[in-house]
Amino acid sequence: QVQLVESGGGLVQTGGSLRLSCTASGIIFSRYGMAWYRQAPGKQRELVAVITAGGVTNVADSVKGRFTISRDSAKNTVYLQMNSLKPEDTAVYYCNTIRFWGQGTQVTVSS
């Protein structure tokens, strides 16, 4: 059974930082690409960042230069480092691989 468990969300002021973590179980982690999505209230879920099994990364234009995705295969964990946070980054952040999703972690950025 595949499980993705996110952590690290919270409330932060504009300009602050957070690091999200997503730990996977039930899959051979090193074989799969991983992604972070987010969904703000009343909006569609959007792709934030992806990392391939080989470590190649890409991030959405809206977070470029502020967010970084990385992975640690020894820990079966993917990270999303978020710096210079803005109120528009407020959303539930979800971890994804293949067709599996985590439960989400809330990120709230106060102005």
PDB file of N, CA and C in Angstrom:
ATOM      1  N   GLN A   1       0.842  -1.182   0.000  1.00  0.00           N
ATOM      2  CA  GLN A   1       0.000   0.000   0.000  1.00  0.00           C
ATOM      3  C   GLN A   1       0.887   1.246   0.000  1.00  0.00           C
ATOM      4  N   VAL A   2       0.672   2.106  -0.972  1.00  0.00           N
ATOM      5  CA  VAL A   2       1.474   3.323  -1.088  1.00  0.00           C
ATOM      6  C   VAL A   2       0.919   4.396  -0.165  1.00  0.00           C
ATOM      7  N   GLN A   3       1.812   5.013   0.585  1.00  0.00           N
ATOM      8  CA  GLN A   3       1.424   6.143   1.436  1.00  0.00           C
ATOM      9  C   GLN A   3       2.397   7.291   1.244  1.00  0.00           C
ATOM     10  N   LEU A   4       1.855   8.492   1.173  1.00  0.00           N
ATOM     11  CA  LEU A   4       2.642   9.717   1.131  1.00  0.00           C
ATOM     12  C   LEU A   4       2.200  10.582   2.300  1.00  0.00           C
ATOM     13  N   VAL A   5       3.139  10.928   3.157  1.00  0.00           N
ATOM     14  CA  VAL A   5       2.810  11.689   4.362  1.00  0.00           C
ATOM     15  C   VAL A   5       3.573  12.997   4.344  1.00  0.00           C
ATOM     16  N   GLU A   6       2.824  14.107   4.244  1.00  0.00           N
ATOM     17  CA  GLU A   6       3.428  15.433   4.239  1.00  0.00           C
ATOM     18  C   GLU A   6       3.532  15.995   5.645  1.00  0.00           C
ATOM     19  N   SER A   7       4.485  16.884   5.826  1.00  0.00           N
ATOM     20  CA  SER A   7       4.627  17.626   7.076  1.00  0.00           C
ATOM     21  C   SER A   7       5.360  18.925   6.792  1.00  0.00           C
ATOM     22  N   GLY A   8       5.329  19.821   7.785  1.00  0.00           N
ATOM     23  CA  GLY A   8       6.096  21.047   7.674  1.00  0.00           C
ATOM     24  C   GLY A   8       5.300  22.299   7.377  1.00  0.00           C
ATOM     25  N   GLY A   9       4.007  22.149   7.151  1.00  0.00           N
ATOM     26  CA  GLY A   9       3.201  23.335   6.903  1.00  0.00           C
ATOM     27  C   GLY A   9       3.007  24.149   8.173  1.00  0.00           C
ATOM     28  N   GLY A  10       2.408  25.322   8.002  1.00  0.00           N
ATOM     29  CA  GLY A  10       2.154  26.163   9.159  1.00  0.00           C
ATOM     30  C   GLY A  10       1.836  27.579   8.761  1.00  0.00           C
ATOM     31  N   LEU A  11       1.871  28.461   9.760  1.00  0.00           N
ATOM     32  CA  LEU A  11       1.599  29.884   9.565  1.00  0.00           C
ATOM     33  C   LEU A  11       2.918  30.638   9.612  1.00  0.00           C
ATOM     34  N   VAL A  12       3.134  31.485   8.612  1.00  0.00           N
ATOM     35  CA  VAL A  12       4.372  32.239   8.532  1.00  0.00           C
ATOM     36  C   VAL A  12       4.058  33.640   7.998  1.00  0.00           C
ATOM     37  N   GLN A  13       4.884  34.587   8.349  1.00  0.00           N
ATOM     38  CA  GLN A  13       4.692  35.949   7.855  1.00  0.00           C
ATOM     39  C   GLN A  13       5.278  36.108   6.459  1.00  0.00           C
ATOM     40  N   THR A  14       4.797  37.110   5.756  1.00  0.00           N
ATOM     41  CA  THR A  14       5.348  37.423   4.438  1.00  0.00           C
ATOM     42  C   THR A  14       6.859  37.569   4.524  1.00  0.00           C
ATOM     43  N   GLY A  15       7.548  36.938   3.571  1.00  0.00           N
ATOM     44  CA  GLY A  15       8.996  36.965   3.556  1.00  0.00           C
ATOM     45  C   GLY A  15       9.649  35.820   4.306  1.00  0.00           C
ATOM     46  N   GLY A  16       8.859  35.049   5.011  1.00  0.00           N
ATOM     47  CA  GLY A  16       9.388  33.942   5.792  1.00  0.00           C
ATOM     48  C   GLY A  16       9.647  32.701   4.956  1.00  0.00           C
ATOM     49  N   SER A  17      10.071  31.645   5.644  1.00  0.00           N
ATOM     50  CA  SER A  17      10.420  30.392   4.972  1.00  0.00           C
ATOM     51  C   SER A  17       9.775  29.213   5.679  1.00  0.00           C
ATOM     52  N   LEU A  18       9.537  28.177   4.901  1.00  0.00           N
ATOM     53  CA  LEU A  18       9.090  26.891   5.422  1.00  0.00           C
ATOM     54  C   LEU A  18       9.720  25.802   4.574  1.00  0.00           C
ATOM     55  N   ARG A  19       9.901  24.641   5.168  1.00  0.00           N
ATOM     56  CA  ARG A  19      10.332  23.470   4.414  1.00  0.00           C
ATOM     57  C   ARG A  19       9.308  22.360   4.604  1.00  0.00           C
ATOM     58  N   LEU A  20       8.718  21.956   3.500  1.00  0.00           N
ATOM     59  CA  LEU A  20       7.781  20.841   3.519  1.00  0.00           C
ATOM     60  C   LEU A  20       8.524  19.536   3.249  1.00  0.00           C
ATOM     61  N   SER A  21       8.046  18.475   3.900  1.00  0.00           N
ATOM     62  CA  SER A  21       8.600  17.144   3.682  1.00  0.00           C
ATOM     63  C   SER A  21       7.476  16.192   3.297  1.00  0.00           C
ATOM     64  N   CYS A  22       7.820  15.220   2.485  1.00  0.00           N
ATOM     65  CA  CYS A  22       6.874  14.169   2.103  1.00  0.00           C
ATOM     66  C   CYS A  22       7.627  12.851   2.113  1.00  0.00           C
ATOM     67  N   THR A  23       7.214  11.980   3.011  1.00  0.00           N
ATOM     68  CA  THR A  23       7.861  10.679   3.117  1.00  0.00           C
ATOM     69  C   THR A  23       6.969   9.610   2.501  1.00  0.00           C
ATOM     70  N   ALA A  24       7.563   8.828   1.625  1.00  0.00           N
ATOM     71  CA  ALA A  24       6.827   7.805   0.891  1.00  0.00           C
ATOM     72  C   ALA A  24       7.111   6.411   1.443  1.00  0.00           C
ATOM     73  N   SER A  25       6.100   5.565   1.387  1.00  0.00           N
ATOM     74  CA  SER A  25       6.261   4.156   1.730  1.00  0.00           C
ATOM     75  C   SER A  25       5.437   3.330   0.752  1.00  0.00           C
ATOM     76  N   GLY A  26       5.843   2.082   0.584  1.00  0.00           N
ATOM     77  CA  GLY A  26       5.106   1.190  -0.297  1.00  0.00           C
ATOM     78  C   GLY A  26       5.522   1.253  -1.753  1.00  0.00           C
ATOM     79  N   ILE A  27       6.532   2.064  -2.064  1.00  0.00           N
ATOM     80  CA  ILE A  27       7.055   2.138  -3.420  1.00  0.00           C
ATOM     81  C   ILE A  27       8.579   2.107  -3.361  1.00  0.00           C
ATOM     82  N   ILE A  28       9.189   1.759  -4.483  1.00  0.00           N
ATOM     83  CA  ILE A  28      10.647   1.882  -4.590  1.00  0.00           C
ATOM     84  C   ILE A  28      10.916   3.328  -4.973  1.00  0.00           C
ATOM     85  N   PHE A  29      11.113   4.131  -3.949  1.00  0.00           N
ATOM     86  CA  PHE A  29      11.132   5.589  -4.072  1.00  0.00           C
ATOM     87  C   PHE A  29      12.084   6.060  -5.161  1.00  0.00           C
ATOM     88  N   SER A  30      13.251   5.463  -5.233  1.00  0.00           N
ATOM     89  CA  SER A  30      14.287   5.954  -6.145  1.00  0.00           C
ATOM     90  C   SER A  30      13.913   5.800  -7.613  1.00  0.00           C
ATOM     91  N   ARG A  31      12.878   5.047  -7.912  1.00  0.00           N
ATOM     92  CA  ARG A  31      12.492   4.802  -9.299  1.00  0.00           C
ATOM     93  C   ARG A  31      11.510   5.834  -9.852  1.00  0.00           C
ATOM     94  N   TYR A  32      10.957   6.665  -8.987  1.00  0.00           N
ATOM     95  CA  TYR A  32       9.841   7.503  -9.414  1.00  0.00           C
ATOM     96  C   TYR A  32      10.100   8.998  -9.250  1.00  0.00           C
ATOM     97  N   GLY A  33       9.572   9.743 -10.204  1.00  0.00           N
ATOM     98  CA  GLY A  33       9.543  11.175 -10.029  1.00  0.00           C
ATOM     99  C   GLY A  33       8.535  11.559  -8.959  1.00  0.00           C
ATOM    100  N   MET A  34       8.742  12.719  -8.369  1.00  0.00           N
ATOM    101  CA  MET A  34       7.875  13.220  -7.318  1.00  0.00           C
ATOM    102  C   MET A  34       7.477  14.656  -7.657  1.00  0.00           C
ATOM    103  N   ALA A  35       6.350  15.066  -7.112  1.00  0.00           N
ATOM    104  CA  ALA A  35       5.887  16.420  -7.395  1.00  0.00           C
ATOM    105  C   ALA A  35       5.182  17.015  -6.186  1.00  0.00           C
ATOM    106  N   TRP A  36       5.181  18.330  -6.161  1.00  0.00           N
ATOM    107  CA  TRP A  36       4.390  19.094  -5.199  1.00  0.00           C
ATOM    108  C   TRP A  36       3.344  19.892  -5.982  1.00  0.00           C
ATOM    109  N   TYR A  37       2.122  19.824  -5.501  1.00  0.00           N
ATOM    110  CA  TYR A  37       1.029  20.626  -6.023  1.00  0.00           C
ATOM    111  C   TYR A  37       0.487  21.484  -4.883  1.00  0.00           C
ATOM    112  N   ARG A  38      -0.315  22.473  -5.243  1.00  0.00           N
ATOM    113  CA  ARG A  38      -1.009  23.241  -4.218  1.00  0.00           C
ATOM    114  C   ARG A  38      -2.397  23.622  -4.714  1.00  0.00           C
ATOM    115  N   GLN A  39      -3.275  23.838  -3.740  1.00  0.00           N
ATOM    116  CA  GLN A  39      -4.632  24.248  -4.061  1.00  0.00           C
ATOM    117  C   GLN A  39      -5.087  25.306  -3.070  1.00  0.00           C
ATOM    118  N   ALA A  40      -5.332  26.485  -3.595  1.00  0.00           N
ATOM    119  CA  ALA A  40      -5.848  27.575  -2.785  1.00  0.00           C
ATOM    120  C   ALA A  40      -7.372  27.527  -2.794  1.00  0.00           C
ATOM    121  N   PRO A  41      -8.013  28.125  -1.789  1.00  0.00           N
ATOM    122  CA  PRO A  41      -9.484  28.104  -1.731  1.00  0.00           C
ATOM    123  C   PRO A  41     -10.109  28.683  -2.998  1.00  0.00           C
ATOM    124  N   GLY A  42     -11.031  27.934  -3.577  1.00  0.00           N
ATOM    125  CA  GLY A  42     -11.726  28.397  -4.766  1.00  0.00           C
ATOM    126  C   GLY A  42     -10.942  28.303  -6.056  1.00  0.00           C
ATOM    127  N   LYS A  43      -9.764  27.712  -5.987  1.00  0.00           N
ATOM    128  CA  LYS A  43      -8.927  27.610  -7.190  1.00  0.00           C
ATOM    129  C   LYS A  43      -8.631  26.147  -7.500  1.00  0.00           C
ATOM    130  N   GLN A  44      -8.202  25.923  -8.740  1.00  0.00           N
ATOM    131  CA  GLN A  44      -7.823  24.574  -9.133  1.00  0.00           C
ATOM    132  C   GLN A  44      -6.464  24.208  -8.569  1.00  0.00           C
ATOM    133  N   ARG A  45      -6.256  22.918  -8.416  1.00  0.00           N
ATOM    134  CA  ARG A  45      -4.948  22.442  -7.972  1.00  0.00           C
ATOM    135  C   ARG A  45      -3.933  22.740  -9.064  1.00  0.00           C
ATOM    136  N   GLU A  46      -2.763  23.238  -8.657  1.00  0.00           N
ATOM    137  CA  GLU A  46      -1.735  23.589  -9.626  1.00  0.00           C
ATOM    138  C   GLU A  46      -0.410  22.946  -9.266  1.00  0.00           C
ATOM    139  N   LEU A  47       0.359  22.650 -10.310  1.00  0.00           N
ATOM    140  CA  LEU A  47       1.673  22.059 -10.123  1.00  0.00           C
ATOM    141  C   LEU A  47       2.658  23.127  -9.658  1.00  0.00           C
ATOM    142  N   VAL A  48       3.410  22.814  -8.617  1.00  0.00           N
ATOM    143  CA  VAL A  48       4.385  23.759  -8.074  1.00  0.00           C
ATOM    144  C   VAL A  48       5.804  23.381  -8.479  1.00  0.00           C
ATOM    145  N   ALA A  49       6.144  22.102  -8.315  1.00  0.00           N
ATOM    146  CA  ALA A  49       7.513  21.678  -8.586  1.00  0.00           C
ATOM    147  C   ALA A  49       7.542  20.178  -8.827  1.00  0.00           C
ATOM    148  N   VAL A  50       8.506  19.761  -9.660  1.00  0.00           N
ATOM    149  CA  VAL A  50       8.693  18.344  -9.926  1.00  0.00           C
ATOM    150  C   VAL A  50      10.171  18.005  -9.842  1.00  0.00           C
ATOM    151  N   ILE A  51      10.443  16.754  -9.515  1.00  0.00           N
ATOM    152  CA  ILE A  51      11.803  16.246  -9.529  1.00  0.00           C
ATOM    153  C   ILE A  51      11.752  14.828 -10.080  1.00  0.00           C
ATOM    154  N   THR A  52      12.596  14.556 -11.063  1.00  0.00           N
ATOM    155  CA  THR A  52      12.605  13.236 -11.667  1.00  0.00           C
ATOM    156  C   THR A  52      13.335  12.239 -10.771  1.00  0.00           C
ATOM    157  N   ALA A  53      13.259  10.979 -11.144  1.00  0.00           N
ATOM    158  CA  ALA A  53      13.992   9.963 -10.392  1.00  0.00           C
ATOM    159  C   ALA A  53      15.492  10.253 -10.411  1.00  0.00           C
ATOM    160  N   GLY A  54      15.946  10.873 -11.463  1.00  0.00           N
ATOM    161  CA  GLY A  54      17.360  11.192 -11.591  1.00  0.00           C
ATOM    162  C   GLY A  54      17.762  12.513 -10.971  1.00  0.00           C
ATOM    163  N   GLY A  55      16.782  13.234 -10.434  1.00  0.00           N
ATOM    164  CA  GLY A  55      17.107  14.474  -9.735  1.00  0.00           C
ATOM    165  C   GLY A  55      16.971  15.744 -10.558  1.00  0.00           C
ATOM    166  N   VAL A  56      16.457  15.648 -11.762  1.00  0.00           N
ATOM    167  CA  VAL A  56      16.231  16.855 -12.564  1.00  0.00           C
ATOM    168  C   VAL A  56      14.981  17.557 -12.034  1.00  0.00           C
ATOM    169  N   THR A  57      15.076  18.866 -11.855  1.00  0.00           N
ATOM    170  CA  THR A  57      13.983  19.610 -11.229  1.00  0.00           C
ATOM    171  C   THR A  57      13.403  20.664 -12.162  1.00  0.00           C
ATOM    172  N   ASN A  58      12.170  21.023 -11.851  1.00  0.00           N
ATOM    173  CA  ASN A  58      11.537  22.140 -12.541  1.00  0.00           C
ATOM    174  C   ASN A  58      10.494  22.721 -11.594  1.00  0.00           C
ATOM    175  N   VAL A  59      10.354  24.031 -11.609  1.00  0.00           N
ATOM    176  CA  VAL A  59       9.375  24.679 -10.746  1.00  0.00           C
ATOM    177  C   VAL A  59       8.507  25.622 -11.572  1.00  0.00           C
ATOM    178  N   ALA A  60       7.336  25.896 -11.068  1.00  0.00           N
ATOM    179  CA  ALA A  60       6.425  26.811 -11.743  1.00  0.00           C
ATOM    180  C   ALA A  60       7.014  28.215 -11.787  1.00  0.00           C
ATOM    181  N   ASP A  61       6.636  28.970 -12.801  1.00  0.00           N
ATOM    182  CA  ASP A  61       7.152  30.332 -12.937  1.00  0.00           C
ATOM    183  C   ASP A  61       6.806  31.187 -11.713  1.00  0.00           C
ATOM    184  N   SER A  62       5.647  30.926 -11.119  1.00  0.00           N
ATOM    185  CA  SER A  62       5.192  31.739  -9.996  1.00  0.00           C
ATOM    186  C   SER A  62       6.063  31.584  -8.751  1.00  0.00           C
ATOM    187  N   VAL A  63       6.845  30.523  -8.677  1.00  0.00           N
ATOM    188  CA  VAL A  63       7.675  30.287  -7.500  1.00  0.00           C
ATOM    189  C   VAL A  63       9.158  30.207  -7.853  1.00  0.00           C
ATOM    190  N   LYS A  64       9.494  30.433  -9.102  1.00  0.00           N
ATOM    191  CA  LYS A  64      10.884  30.317  -9.532  1.00  0.00           C
ATOM    192  C   LYS A  64      11.749  31.324  -8.781  1.00  0.00           C
ATOM    193  N   GLY A  65      12.887  30.833  -8.309  1.00  0.00           N
ATOM    194  CA  GLY A  65      13.794  31.685  -7.553  1.00  0.00           C
ATOM    195  C   GLY A  65      13.471  31.742  -6.071  1.00  0.00           C
ATOM    196  N   ARG A  66      12.330  31.191  -5.679  1.00  0.00           N
ATOM    197  CA  ARG A  66      11.924  31.197  -4.268  1.00  0.00           C
ATOM    198  C   ARG A  66      11.778  29.785  -3.699  1.00  0.00           C
ATOM    199  N   PHE A  67      11.297  28.858  -4.492  1.00  0.00           N
ATOM    200  CA  PHE A  67      11.065  27.482  -4.042  1.00  0.00           C
ATOM    201  C   PHE A  67      12.085  26.540  -4.680  1.00  0.00           C
ATOM    202  N   THR A  68      12.487  25.538  -3.913  1.00  0.00           N
ATOM    203  CA  THR A  68      13.418  24.521  -4.397  1.00  0.00           C
ATOM    204  C   THR A  68      12.908  23.150  -3.993  1.00  0.00           C
ATOM    205  N   ILE A  69      12.887  22.226  -4.944  1.00  0.00           N
ATOM    206  CA  ILE A  69      12.506  20.850  -4.653  1.00  0.00           C
ATOM    207  C   ILE A  69      13.763  19.989  -4.628  1.00  0.00           C
ATOM    208  N   SER A  70      13.804  19.047  -3.700  1.00  0.00           N
ATOM    209  CA  SER A  70      14.933  18.132  -3.613  1.00  0.00           C
ATOM    210  C   SER A  70      14.438  16.793  -3.079  1.00  0.00           C
ATOM    211  N   ARG A  71      15.294  15.791  -3.149  1.00  0.00           N
ATOM    212  CA  ARG A  71      14.899  14.475  -2.666  1.00  0.00           C
ATOM    213  C   ARG A  71      16.068  13.786  -2.000  1.00  0.00           C
ATOM    214  N   ASP A  72      15.743  12.917  -1.057  1.00  0.00           N
ATOM    215  CA  ASP A  72      16.731  12.107  -0.355  1.00  0.00           C
ATOM    216  C   ASP A  72      16.238  10.662  -0.429  1.00  0.00           C
ATOM    217  N   SER A  73      16.817   9.895  -1.326  1.00  0.00           N
ATOM    218  CA  SER A  73      16.341   8.527  -1.528  1.00  0.00           C
ATOM    219  C   SER A  73      16.644   7.631  -0.340  1.00  0.00           C
ATOM    220  N   ALA A  74      17.658   7.965   0.428  1.00  0.00           N
ATOM    221  CA  ALA A  74      17.973   7.181   1.627  1.00  0.00           C
ATOM    222  C   ALA A  74      16.864   7.299   2.665  1.00  0.00           C
ATOM    223  N   LYS A  75      16.126   8.420   2.610  1.00  0.00           N
ATOM    224  CA  LYS A  75      15.049   8.663   3.570  1.00  0.00           C
ATOM    225  C   LYS A  75      13.667   8.542   2.917  1.00  0.00           C
ATOM    226  N   ASN A  76      13.635   8.186   1.633  1.00  0.00           N
ATOM    227  CA  ASN A  76      12.353   8.110   0.910  1.00  0.00           C
ATOM    228  C   ASN A  76      11.552   9.402   1.048  1.00  0.00           C
ATOM    229  N   THR A  77      12.235  10.509   0.982  1.00  0.00           N
ATOM    230  CA  THR A  77      11.601  11.793   1.277  1.00  0.00           C
ATOM    231  C   THR A  77      11.905  12.820   0.191  1.00  0.00           C
ATOM    232  N   VAL A  78      10.887  13.583  -0.156  1.00  0.00           N
ATOM    233  CA  VAL A  78      11.039  14.720  -1.048  1.00  0.00           C
ATOM    234  C   VAL A  78      10.728  15.976  -0.256  1.00  0.00           C
ATOM    235  N   TYR A  79      11.455  17.045  -0.552  1.00  0.00           N
ATOM    236  CA  TYR A  79      11.326  18.291   0.182  1.00  0.00           C
ATOM    237  C   TYR A  79      10.908  19.423  -0.751  1.00  0.00           C
ATOM    238  N   LEU A  80      10.276  20.417  -0.157  1.00  0.00           N
ATOM    239  CA  LEU A  80      10.008  21.665  -0.855  1.00  0.00           C
ATOM    240  C   LEU A  80      10.445  22.794   0.061  1.00  0.00           C
ATOM    241  N   GLN A  81      11.562  23.406  -0.270  1.00  0.00           N
ATOM    242  CA  GLN A  81      12.048  24.561   0.487  1.00  0.00           C
ATOM    243  C   GLN A  81      11.397  25.799  -0.095  1.00  0.00           C
ATOM    244  N   MET A  82      10.700  26.536   0.753  1.00  0.00           N
ATOM    245  CA  MET A  82       9.958  27.707   0.306  1.00  0.00           C
ATOM    246  C   MET A  82      10.497  28.936   1.020  1.00  0.00           C
ATOM    247  N   ASN A  83      11.064  29.836   0.264  1.00  0.00           N
ATOM    248  CA  ASN A  83      11.613  31.083   0.805  1.00  0.00           C
ATOM    249  C   ASN A  83      10.849  32.277   0.253  1.00  0.00           C
ATOM    250  N   SER A  84      11.027  33.408   0.893  1.00  0.00           N
ATOM    251  CA  SER A  84      10.386  34.657   0.461  1.00  0.00           C
ATOM    252  C   SER A  84       8.896  34.446   0.203  1.00  0.00           C
ATOM    253  N   LEU A  85       8.245  33.848   1.160  1.00  0.00           N
ATOM    254  CA  LEU A  85       6.836  33.496   0.989  1.00  0.00           C
ATOM    255  C   LEU A  85       5.958  34.739   0.886  1.00  0.00           C
ATOM    256  N   LYS A  86       4.909  34.595   0.078  1.00  0.00           N
ATOM    257  CA  LYS A  86       3.958  35.670  -0.171  1.00  0.00           C
ATOM    258  C   LYS A  86       2.549  35.203   0.215  1.00  0.00           C
ATOM    259  N   PRO A  87       1.664  36.135   0.499  1.00  0.00           N
ATOM    260  CA  PRO A  87       0.286  35.720   0.832  1.00  0.00           C
ATOM    261  C   PRO A  87      -0.346  34.843  -0.259  1.00  0.00           C
ATOM    262  N   GLU A  88       0.004  35.076  -1.509  1.00  0.00           N
ATOM    263  CA  GLU A  88      -0.570  34.275  -2.592  1.00  0.00           C
ATOM    264  C   GLU A  88      -0.043  32.841  -2.624  1.00  0.00           C
ATOM    265  N   ASP A  89       0.929  32.531  -1.786  1.00  0.00           N
ATOM    266  CA  ASP A  89       1.398  31.150  -1.653  1.00  0.00           C
ATOM    267  C   ASP A  89       0.518  30.345  -0.689  1.00  0.00           C
ATOM    268  N   THR A  90      -0.404  31.009  -0.036  1.00  0.00           N
ATOM    269  CA  THR A  90      -1.302  30.325   0.896  1.00  0.00           C
ATOM    270  C   THR A  90      -2.130  29.276   0.159  1.00  0.00           C
ATOM    271  N   ALA A  91      -2.055  28.044   0.636  1.00  0.00           N
ATOM    272  CA  ALA A  91      -2.742  26.928  -0.023  1.00  0.00           C
ATOM    273  C   ALA A  91      -2.517  25.661   0.788  1.00  0.00           C
ATOM    274  N   VAL A  92      -3.229  24.625   0.409  1.00  0.00           N
ATOM    275  CA  VAL A  92      -2.899  23.281   0.879  1.00  0.00           C
ATOM    276  C   VAL A  92      -1.915  22.696  -0.128  1.00  0.00           C
ATOM    277  N   TYR A  93      -0.811  22.199   0.369  1.00  0.00           N
ATOM    278  CA  TYR A  93       0.243  21.646  -0.482  1.00  0.00           C
ATOM    279  C   TYR A  93       0.181  20.121  -0.423  1.00  0.00           C
ATOM    280  N   TYR A  94       0.216  19.518  -1.612  1.00  0.00           N
ATOM    281  CA  TYR A  94       0.088  18.075  -1.728  1.00  0.00           C
ATOM    282  C   TYR A  94       1.320  17.471  -2.398  1.00  0.00           C
ATOM    283  N   CYS A  95       1.696  16.328  -1.905  1.00  0.00           N
ATOM    284  CA  CYS A  95       2.765  15.529  -2.498  1.00  0.00           C
ATOM    285  C   CYS A  95       2.118  14.511  -3.439  1.00  0.00           C
ATOM    286  N   ASN A  96       2.813  14.234  -4.536  1.00  0.00           N
ATOM    287  CA  ASN A  96       2.254  13.320  -5.546  1.00  0.00           C
ATOM    288  C   ASN A  96       3.343  12.495  -6.201  1.00  0.00           C
ATOM    289  N   THR A  97       3.019  11.227  -6.455  1.00  0.00           N
ATOM    290  CA  THR A  97       3.810  10.390  -7.338  1.00  0.00           C
ATOM    291  C   THR A  97       2.873   9.406  -8.035  1.00  0.00           C
ATOM    292  N   ILE A  98       3.110   9.203  -9.300  1.00  0.00           N
ATOM    293  CA  ILE A  98       2.257   8.339 -10.125  1.00  0.00           C
ATOM    294  C   ILE A  98       0.802   8.803  -9.936  1.00  0.00           C
ATOM    295  N   ARG A  99      -0.063   7.932  -9.407  1.00  0.00           N
ATOM    296  CA  ARG A  99      -1.460   8.326  -9.189  1.00  0.00           C
ATOM    297  C   ARG A  99      -1.769   8.510  -7.698  1.00  0.00           C
ATOM    298  N   PHE A 100      -0.736   8.553  -6.882  1.00  0.00           N
ATOM    299  CA  PHE A 100      -0.925   8.625  -5.440  1.00  0.00           C
ATOM    300  C   PHE A 100      -0.717  10.037  -4.908  1.00  0.00           C
ATOM    301  N   TRP A 101      -1.522  10.376  -3.887  1.00  0.00           N
ATOM    302  CA  TRP A 101      -1.497  11.706  -3.288  1.00  0.00           C
ATOM    303  C   TRP A 101      -1.384  11.597  -1.773  1.00  0.00           C
ATOM    304  N   GLY A 102      -0.714  12.569  -1.191  1.00  0.00           N
ATOM    305  CA  GLY A 102      -0.730  12.703   0.249  1.00  0.00           C
ATOM    306  C   GLY A 102      -1.989  13.401   0.714  1.00  0.00           C
ATOM    307  N   GLN A 103      -2.085  13.575   2.023  1.00  0.00           N
ATOM    308  CA  GLN A 103      -3.295  14.169   2.596  1.00  0.00           C
ATOM    309  C   GLN A 103      -3.277  15.687   2.549  1.00  0.00           C
ATOM    310  N   GLY A 104      -2.120  16.251   2.290  1.00  0.00           N
ATOM    311  CA  GLY A 104      -1.983  17.700   2.201  1.00  0.00           C
ATOM    312  C   GLY A 104      -1.535  18.319   3.507  1.00  0.00           C
ATOM    313  N   THR A 105      -0.846  19.445   3.387  1.00  0.00           N
ATOM    314  CA  THR A 105      -0.425  20.209   4.548  1.00  0.00           C
ATOM    315  C   THR A 105      -0.701  21.688   4.272  1.00  0.00           C
ATOM    316  N   GLN A 106      -1.290  22.360   5.243  1.00  0.00           N
ATOM    317  CA  GLN A 106      -1.713  23.750   5.055  1.00  0.00           C
ATOM    318  C   GLN A 106      -0.543  24.701   5.234  1.00  0.00           C
ATOM    319  N   VAL A 107      -0.393  25.603   4.292  1.00  0.00           N
ATOM    320  CA  VAL A 107       0.571  26.693   4.388  1.00  0.00           C
ATOM    321  C   VAL A 107      -0.221  27.993   4.339  1.00  0.00           C
ATOM    322  N   THR A 108      -0.033  28.821   5.356  1.00  0.00           N
ATOM    323  CA  THR A 108      -0.711  30.106   5.418  1.00  0.00           C
ATOM    324  C   THR A 108       0.330  31.194   5.597  1.00  0.00           C
ATOM    325  N   VAL A 109       0.306  32.165   4.693  1.00  0.00           N
ATOM    326  CA  VAL A 109       1.251  33.273   4.741  1.00  0.00           C
ATOM    327  C   VAL A 109       0.472  34.538   5.061  1.00  0.00           C
ATOM    328  N   SER A 110       0.789  35.144   6.187  1.00  0.00           N
ATOM    329  CA  SER A 110       0.084  36.345   6.605  1.00  0.00           C
ATOM    330  C   SER A 110       0.774  37.586   6.057  1.00  0.00           C
ATOM    331  N   SER A 111      -0.036  38.591   5.763  1.00  0.00           N
ATOM    332  CA  SER A 111       0.513  39.831   5.202  1.00  0.00           C
ATOM    333  C   SER A 111       0.848  40.822   6.299  1.00  0.00           C
TER     334      SER A 111
END
